[in-house]
Amino acid sequence: QVQLLESGGGLVQTGGSLRLSCAASGRAFSLYGMGWFRQAPGKEREFVAAVRWGLGTTNFADSVKGRFTIFRDDTKSTVYLQMNSLKPEDTAVYYCAAMKDYCSGSGCADQQRYYGWGQGTQVTVSS
């Protein structure tokens, strides 16, 4: 069973940057890939980004395309979410999770495909 721990959240001004980390322990990373999701107050949890192993293919929600990147460091068993040009609407609790199986395209945004959810890390973007 993989255990995931998010970190790196905080308070940042509009236009600023943050790098979130998702560290895996226990069993190694998912065999398929990892994803980041977020939940803003009063809203449903939503997909942010995913990376699939092998070719390293990535997917992003339209709202973060061009501003966020996702990558991993195998030596540290860690996946990162680099967030640039942050906006107040990016304010949320961010979660990482491991893929249960291989996905492609919009399928990678399906939360049912993920497990091992971490506790989340708060990101607050001030205007």
N, C-alpha and C. Protein backbone atom coordinates (compact mmCIF):
# COMPACT_ATOMS: atom_id res chain seq x y z
N GLN A 1 0.85 -1.18 0.00
CA GLN A 1 0.00 0.00 0.00
C GLN A 1 0.90 1.24 0.00
N VAL A 2 0.69 2.10 -0.97
CA VAL A 2 1.48 3.33 -1.03
C VAL A 2 0.90 4.35 -0.07
N GLN A 3 1.75 5.09 0.56
CA GLN A 3 1.33 6.18 1.43
C GLN A 3 1.91 7.47 0.86
N LEU A 4 1.06 8.48 0.78
CA LEU A 4 1.45 9.73 0.14
C LEU A 4 1.35 10.89 1.11
N LEU A 5 2.31 11.80 1.03
CA LEU A 5 2.33 12.96 1.90
C LEU A 5 2.62 14.19 1.07
N GLU A 6 1.66 15.12 1.04
CA GLU A 6 1.83 16.36 0.31
C GLU A 6 2.47 17.42 1.21
N SER A 7 3.22 18.31 0.58
CA SER A 7 3.81 19.44 1.29
C SER A 7 4.08 20.55 0.29
N GLY A 8 4.43 21.71 0.81
CA GLY A 8 4.82 22.82 -0.04
C GLY A 8 3.77 23.90 -0.21
N GLY A 9 2.60 23.69 0.37
CA GLY A 9 1.57 24.71 0.27
C GLY A 9 1.92 25.94 1.10
N GLY A 10 1.11 26.97 0.94
CA GLY A 10 1.34 28.19 1.69
C GLY A 10 0.54 29.33 1.14
N LEU A 11 0.89 30.52 1.60
CA LEU A 11 0.23 31.74 1.17
C LEU A 11 1.15 32.46 0.18
N VAL A 12 0.59 32.83 -0.96
CA VAL A 12 1.37 33.50 -1.99
C VAL A 12 0.50 34.57 -2.65
N GLN A 13 1.13 35.60 -3.17
CA GLN A 13 0.38 36.66 -3.85
C GLN A 13 0.06 36.25 -5.29
N THR A 14 -0.93 36.89 -5.85
CA THR A 14 -1.27 36.67 -7.25
C THR A 14 -0.03 36.86 -8.12
N GLY A 15 0.16 35.91 -9.03
CA GLY A 15 1.32 35.96 -9.91
C GLY A 15 2.53 35.21 -9.37
N GLY A 16 2.46 34.79 -8.13
CA GLY A 16 3.58 34.08 -7.52
C GLY A 16 3.64 32.62 -7.90
N SER A 17 4.58 31.91 -7.31
CA SER A 17 4.79 30.50 -7.62
C SER A 17 4.92 29.68 -6.34
N LEU A 18 4.56 28.42 -6.47
CA LEU A 18 4.77 27.44 -5.40
C LEU A 18 5.09 26.11 -6.05
N ARG A 19 5.84 25.29 -5.33
CA ARG A 19 6.09 23.93 -5.78
C ARG A 19 5.60 22.98 -4.71
N LEU A 20 4.63 22.18 -5.07
CA LEU A 20 4.10 21.17 -4.17
C LEU A 20 4.84 19.87 -4.36
N SER A 21 5.01 19.15 -3.27
CA SER A 21 5.68 17.85 -3.32
C SER A 21 4.73 16.77 -2.84
N CYS A 22 4.87 15.60 -3.42
CA CYS A 22 4.09 14.43 -3.01
C CYS A 22 5.09 13.31 -2.81
N ALA A 23 5.37 12.98 -1.57
CA ALA A 23 6.35 11.96 -1.26
C ALA A 23 5.65 10.64 -0.99
N ALA A 24 6.18 9.59 -1.60
CA ALA A 24 5.60 8.25 -1.44
C ALA A 24 6.44 7.40 -0.51
N SER A 25 5.78 6.65 0.32
CA SER A 25 6.47 5.71 1.19
C SER A 25 5.71 4.39 1.14
N GLY A 26 6.26 3.39 1.84
CA GLY A 26 5.65 2.08 1.76
C GLY A 26 6.00 1.47 0.43
N ARG A 27 5.02 0.96 -0.26
CA ARG A 27 5.28 0.45 -1.59
C ARG A 27 5.73 1.60 -2.48
N ALA A 28 6.45 1.29 -3.52
CA ALA A 28 6.95 2.35 -4.41
C ALA A 28 5.78 3.02 -5.11
N PHE A 29 6.09 4.00 -5.87
CA PHE A 29 5.11 4.70 -6.68
C PHE A 29 4.17 3.73 -7.37
N SER A 30 3.01 4.25 -7.71
CA SER A 30 2.10 3.51 -8.56
C SER A 30 2.84 3.00 -9.79
N LEU A 31 2.40 1.87 -10.30
CA LEU A 31 2.99 1.33 -11.51
C LEU A 31 2.63 2.14 -12.74
N TYR A 32 1.64 3.00 -12.62
CA TYR A 32 1.08 3.66 -13.80
C TYR A 32 1.31 5.16 -13.84
N GLY A 33 1.21 5.85 -12.70
CA GLY A 33 1.40 7.29 -12.69
C GLY A 33 0.79 7.91 -11.44
N MET A 34 0.81 9.22 -11.39
CA MET A 34 0.32 9.96 -10.25
C MET A 34 -0.51 11.15 -10.73
N GLY A 35 -1.36 11.61 -9.83
CA GLY A 35 -2.18 12.77 -10.18
C GLY A 35 -2.27 13.75 -9.03
N TRP A 36 -2.58 14.98 -9.39
CA TRP A 36 -2.87 16.04 -8.41
C TRP A 36 -4.31 16.49 -8.62
N PHE A 37 -4.99 16.72 -7.50
CA PHE A 37 -6.35 17.22 -7.50
C PHE A 37 -6.43 18.35 -6.50
N ARG A 38 -7.51 19.10 -6.53
CA ARG A 38 -7.68 20.18 -5.56
C ARG A 38 -9.15 20.35 -5.22
N GLN A 39 -9.36 20.89 -4.03
CA GLN A 39 -10.73 21.16 -3.58
C GLN A 39 -10.78 22.52 -2.94
N ALA A 40 -11.54 23.40 -3.54
CA ALA A 40 -11.75 24.74 -3.01
C ALA A 40 -12.94 24.73 -2.04
N PRO A 41 -13.01 25.68 -1.13
CA PRO A 41 -14.12 25.71 -0.18
C PRO A 41 -15.47 25.71 -0.88
N GLY A 42 -16.34 24.81 -0.46
CA GLY A 42 -17.68 24.75 -1.02
C GLY A 42 -17.78 24.13 -2.40
N LYS A 43 -16.67 23.58 -2.89
CA LYS A 43 -16.68 23.00 -4.23
C LYS A 43 -16.26 21.54 -4.19
N GLU A 44 -16.55 20.84 -5.28
CA GLU A 44 -16.15 19.46 -5.42
C GLU A 44 -14.64 19.38 -5.71
N ARG A 45 -14.06 18.27 -5.33
CA ARG A 45 -12.65 18.07 -5.67
C ARG A 45 -12.54 17.91 -7.19
N GLU A 46 -11.51 18.53 -7.76
CA GLU A 46 -11.35 18.52 -9.21
C GLU A 46 -9.94 18.14 -9.60
N PHE A 47 -9.84 17.62 -10.81
CA PHE A 47 -8.56 17.23 -11.38
C PHE A 47 -7.71 18.45 -11.68
N VAL A 48 -6.40 18.32 -11.44
CA VAL A 48 -5.46 19.39 -11.78
C VAL A 48 -4.46 18.91 -12.83
N ALA A 49 -3.76 17.82 -12.53
CA ALA A 49 -2.71 17.35 -13.43
C ALA A 49 -2.41 15.88 -13.16
N ALA A 50 -1.86 15.22 -14.15
CA ALA A 50 -1.45 13.83 -14.01
C ALA A 50 -0.22 13.56 -14.85
N VAL A 51 0.58 12.64 -14.40
CA VAL A 51 1.75 12.19 -15.17
C VAL A 51 1.72 10.67 -15.21
N ARG A 52 1.92 10.12 -16.39
CA ARG A 52 1.96 8.67 -16.57
C ARG A 52 3.39 8.23 -16.80
N TRP A 53 3.76 7.13 -16.20
CA TRP A 53 5.11 6.65 -16.37
C TRP A 53 5.30 6.17 -17.82
N GLY A 54 6.48 5.69 -18.08
CA GLY A 54 6.79 5.26 -19.43
C GLY A 54 7.23 6.46 -20.23
N LEU A 55 6.37 6.99 -21.07
CA LEU A 55 6.72 8.13 -21.90
C LEU A 55 6.67 9.45 -21.13
N GLY A 56 6.18 9.40 -19.88
CA GLY A 56 6.10 10.62 -19.10
C GLY A 56 5.01 11.56 -19.58
N THR A 57 3.99 11.02 -20.20
CA THR A 57 2.88 11.83 -20.72
C THR A 57 2.16 12.53 -19.58
N THR A 58 1.80 13.79 -19.82
CA THR A 58 1.12 14.58 -18.80
C THR A 58 -0.23 15.08 -19.30
N ASN A 59 -1.12 15.34 -18.37
CA ASN A 59 -2.42 15.93 -18.65
C ASN A 59 -2.67 17.05 -17.65
N PHE A 60 -3.35 18.07 -18.10
CA PHE A 60 -3.65 19.20 -17.23
C PHE A 60 -5.09 19.64 -17.43
N ALA A 61 -5.67 20.14 -16.34
CA ALA A 61 -6.97 20.79 -16.46
C ALA A 61 -6.80 22.05 -17.28
N ASP A 62 -7.80 22.42 -18.03
CA ASP A 62 -7.72 23.62 -18.86
C ASP A 62 -7.38 24.85 -18.04
N SER A 63 -7.85 24.90 -16.82
CA SER A 63 -7.67 26.08 -15.98
C SER A 63 -6.22 26.30 -15.57
N VAL A 64 -5.38 25.27 -15.69
CA VAL A 64 -3.99 25.41 -15.25
C VAL A 64 -2.99 25.22 -16.37
N LYS A 65 -3.45 24.87 -17.55
CA LYS A 65 -2.55 24.66 -18.68
C LYS A 65 -1.70 25.89 -18.92
N GLY A 66 -0.42 25.65 -19.15
CA GLY A 66 0.52 26.73 -19.40
C GLY A 66 1.06 27.38 -18.15
N ARG A 67 0.48 27.06 -17.00
CA ARG A 67 0.95 27.65 -15.74
C ARG A 67 1.53 26.60 -14.79
N PHE A 68 0.99 25.38 -14.84
CA PHE A 68 1.43 24.31 -13.95
C PHE A 68 2.18 23.25 -14.74
N THR A 69 3.15 22.63 -14.08
CA THR A 69 3.81 21.46 -14.64
C THR A 69 3.87 20.38 -13.58
N ILE A 70 3.98 19.14 -14.01
CA ILE A 70 4.06 18.00 -13.10
C ILE A 70 5.24 17.15 -13.52
N PHE A 71 6.05 16.74 -12.55
CA PHE A 71 7.21 15.92 -12.86
C PHE A 71 7.58 15.13 -11.62
N ARG A 72 8.46 14.14 -11.79
CA ARG A 72 8.82 13.29 -10.66
C ARG A 72 10.33 13.20 -10.52
N ASP A 73 10.74 12.84 -9.33
CA ASP A 73 12.14 12.56 -9.02
C ASP A 73 12.18 11.15 -8.46
N ASP A 74 12.60 10.21 -9.27
CA ASP A 74 12.60 8.81 -8.84
C ASP A 74 13.52 8.59 -7.65
N THR A 75 14.61 9.33 -7.60
CA THR A 75 15.57 9.11 -6.52
C THR A 75 14.97 9.46 -5.16
N LYS A 76 13.97 10.34 -5.18
CA LYS A 76 13.36 10.76 -3.93
C LYS A 76 11.95 10.20 -3.78
N SER A 77 11.50 9.38 -4.73
CA SER A 77 10.14 8.86 -4.72
C SER A 77 9.14 10.00 -4.51
N THR A 78 9.32 11.05 -5.26
CA THR A 78 8.52 12.26 -5.08
C THR A 78 8.01 12.76 -6.43
N VAL A 79 6.76 13.20 -6.43
CA VAL A 79 6.18 13.86 -7.59
C VAL A 79 5.92 15.32 -7.21
N TYR A 80 6.20 16.21 -8.14
CA TYR A 80 6.07 17.64 -7.87
C TYR A 80 4.99 18.27 -8.75
N LEU A 81 4.40 19.31 -8.23
CA LEU A 81 3.50 20.16 -9.00
C LEU A 81 4.05 21.57 -8.91
N GLN A 82 4.62 22.03 -10.01
CA GLN A 82 5.14 23.39 -10.07
C GLN A 82 4.02 24.31 -10.53
N MET A 83 3.71 25.29 -9.72
CA MET A 83 2.59 26.18 -10.00
C MET A 83 3.12 27.60 -10.16
N ASN A 84 2.95 28.14 -11.36
CA ASN A 84 3.39 29.51 -11.66
C ASN A 84 2.20 30.38 -12.00
N SER A 85 2.42 31.68 -11.96
CA SER A 85 1.36 32.64 -12.30
C SER A 85 0.07 32.32 -11.56
N LEU A 86 0.20 32.14 -10.29
CA LEU A 86 -0.95 31.73 -9.48
C LEU A 86 -2.01 32.82 -9.43
N LYS A 87 -3.25 32.35 -9.36
CA LYS A 87 -4.41 33.24 -9.32
C LYS A 87 -5.23 32.94 -8.06
N PRO A 88 -6.02 33.89 -7.62
CA PRO A 88 -6.86 33.63 -6.43
C PRO A 88 -7.74 32.39 -6.59
N GLU A 89 -8.18 32.10 -7.80
CA GLU A 89 -9.03 30.93 -8.02
C GLU A 89 -8.27 29.61 -7.91
N ASP A 90 -6.96 29.67 -7.75
CA ASP A 90 -6.18 28.46 -7.50
C ASP A 90 -6.19 28.09 -6.02
N THR A 91 -6.75 28.95 -5.19
CA THR A 91 -6.82 28.68 -3.76
C THR A 91 -7.62 27.42 -3.50
N ALA A 92 -7.00 26.46 -2.81
CA ALA A 92 -7.65 25.17 -2.56
C ALA A 92 -6.72 24.31 -1.71
N VAL A 93 -7.26 23.20 -1.26
CA VAL A 93 -6.43 22.14 -0.69
C VAL A 93 -6.04 21.22 -1.83
N TYR A 94 -4.76 20.97 -1.98
CA TYR A 94 -4.25 20.16 -3.07
C TYR A 94 -3.89 18.77 -2.56
N TYR A 95 -4.33 17.76 -3.32
CA TYR A 95 -4.11 16.37 -2.97
C TYR A 95 -3.37 15.63 -4.09
N CYS A 96 -2.55 14.69 -3.71
CA CYS A 96 -1.97 13.80 -4.71
C CYS A 96 -2.51 12.39 -4.49
N ALA A 97 -2.47 11.59 -5.53
CA ALA A 97 -2.96 10.23 -5.47
C ALA A 97 -2.27 9.40 -6.54
N ALA A 98 -2.31 8.09 -6.35
CA ALA A 98 -1.65 7.17 -7.27
C ALA A 98 -2.67 6.52 -8.21
N MET A 99 -2.27 6.34 -9.44
CA MET A 99 -3.17 5.70 -10.42
C MET A 99 -3.31 4.22 -10.12
N LYS A 100 -4.55 3.72 -10.26
CA LYS A 100 -4.81 2.31 -10.07
C LYS A 100 -4.43 1.50 -11.31
N ASP A 101 -4.59 2.15 -12.45
CA ASP A 101 -4.32 1.46 -13.70
C ASP A 101 -3.96 2.49 -14.75
N TYR A 102 -3.69 1.99 -15.95
CA TYR A 102 -3.30 2.91 -17.01
C TYR A 102 -4.51 3.71 -17.46
N CYS A 103 -4.30 4.99 -17.74
CA CYS A 103 -5.36 5.85 -18.25
C CYS A 103 -4.81 6.62 -19.44
N SER A 104 -5.71 7.20 -20.18
CA SER A 104 -5.30 8.04 -21.30
C SER A 104 -6.26 9.21 -21.42
N GLY A 105 -5.74 10.33 -21.87
CA GLY A 105 -6.55 11.51 -22.12
C GLY A 105 -7.39 11.92 -20.92
N SER A 106 -8.65 12.21 -21.19
CA SER A 106 -9.54 12.69 -20.14
C SER A 106 -9.81 11.63 -19.07
N GLY A 107 -9.53 10.39 -19.39
CA GLY A 107 -9.70 9.33 -18.39
C GLY A 107 -8.84 9.52 -17.18
N CYS A 108 -7.72 10.21 -17.36
CA CYS A 108 -6.80 10.43 -16.24
C CYS A 108 -7.36 11.44 -15.24
N ALA A 109 -8.43 12.10 -15.58
CA ALA A 109 -9.06 13.05 -14.67
C ALA A 109 -10.10 12.39 -13.77
N ASP A 110 -10.35 11.12 -13.99
CA ASP A 110 -11.37 10.39 -13.23
C ASP A 110 -10.82 10.01 -11.87
N GLN A 111 -11.37 10.56 -10.81
CA GLN A 111 -10.85 10.32 -9.47
C GLN A 111 -10.99 8.86 -9.04
N GLN A 112 -11.92 8.14 -9.66
CA GLN A 112 -12.10 6.74 -9.32
C GLN A 112 -10.90 5.90 -9.74
N ARG A 113 -10.08 6.44 -10.59
CA ARG A 113 -8.89 5.73 -11.05
C ARG A 113 -7.71 5.86 -10.09
N TYR A 114 -7.91 6.55 -8.98
CA TYR A 114 -6.81 6.84 -8.08
C TYR A 114 -7.02 6.26 -6.69
N TYR A 115 -5.94 6.07 -5.95
CA TYR A 115 -6.00 5.60 -4.58
C TYR A 115 -4.85 6.20 -3.79
N GLY A 116 -4.86 5.91 -2.49
CA GLY A 116 -3.76 6.36 -1.64
C GLY A 116 -3.74 7.85 -1.42
N TRP A 117 -4.91 8.47 -1.38
CA TRP A 117 -4.99 9.92 -1.23
C TRP A 117 -4.27 10.40 0.03
N GLY A 118 -3.48 11.50 -0.16
CA GLY A 118 -2.82 12.10 0.97
C GLY A 118 -3.76 13.00 1.75
N GLN A 119 -3.23 13.69 2.75
CA GLN A 119 -4.03 14.56 3.61
C GLN A 119 -4.24 15.95 3.00
N GLY A 120 -3.45 16.26 2.01
CA GLY A 120 -3.61 17.54 1.33
C GLY A 120 -2.72 18.62 1.91
N THR A 121 -2.49 19.63 1.09
CA THR A 121 -1.73 20.80 1.52
C THR A 121 -2.46 22.04 1.03
N GLN A 122 -2.59 23.03 1.90
CA GLN A 122 -3.37 24.22 1.60
C GLN A 122 -2.56 25.21 0.77
N VAL A 123 -3.16 25.68 -0.30
CA VAL A 123 -2.59 26.75 -1.11
C VAL A 123 -3.57 27.91 -1.09
N THR A 124 -3.06 29.07 -0.70
CA THR A 124 -3.89 30.28 -0.66
C THR A 124 -3.21 31.37 -1.48
N VAL A 125 -3.94 31.89 -2.45
CA VAL A 125 -3.41 32.94 -3.31
C VAL A 125 -4.17 34.21 -3.02
N SER A 126 -3.47 35.21 -2.55
CA SER A 126 -4.10 36.48 -2.22
C SER A 126 -4.13 37.41 -3.42
N SER A 127 -5.17 38.21 -3.49
CA SER A 127 -5.32 39.13 -4.62
C SER A 127 -4.67 40.47 -4.32
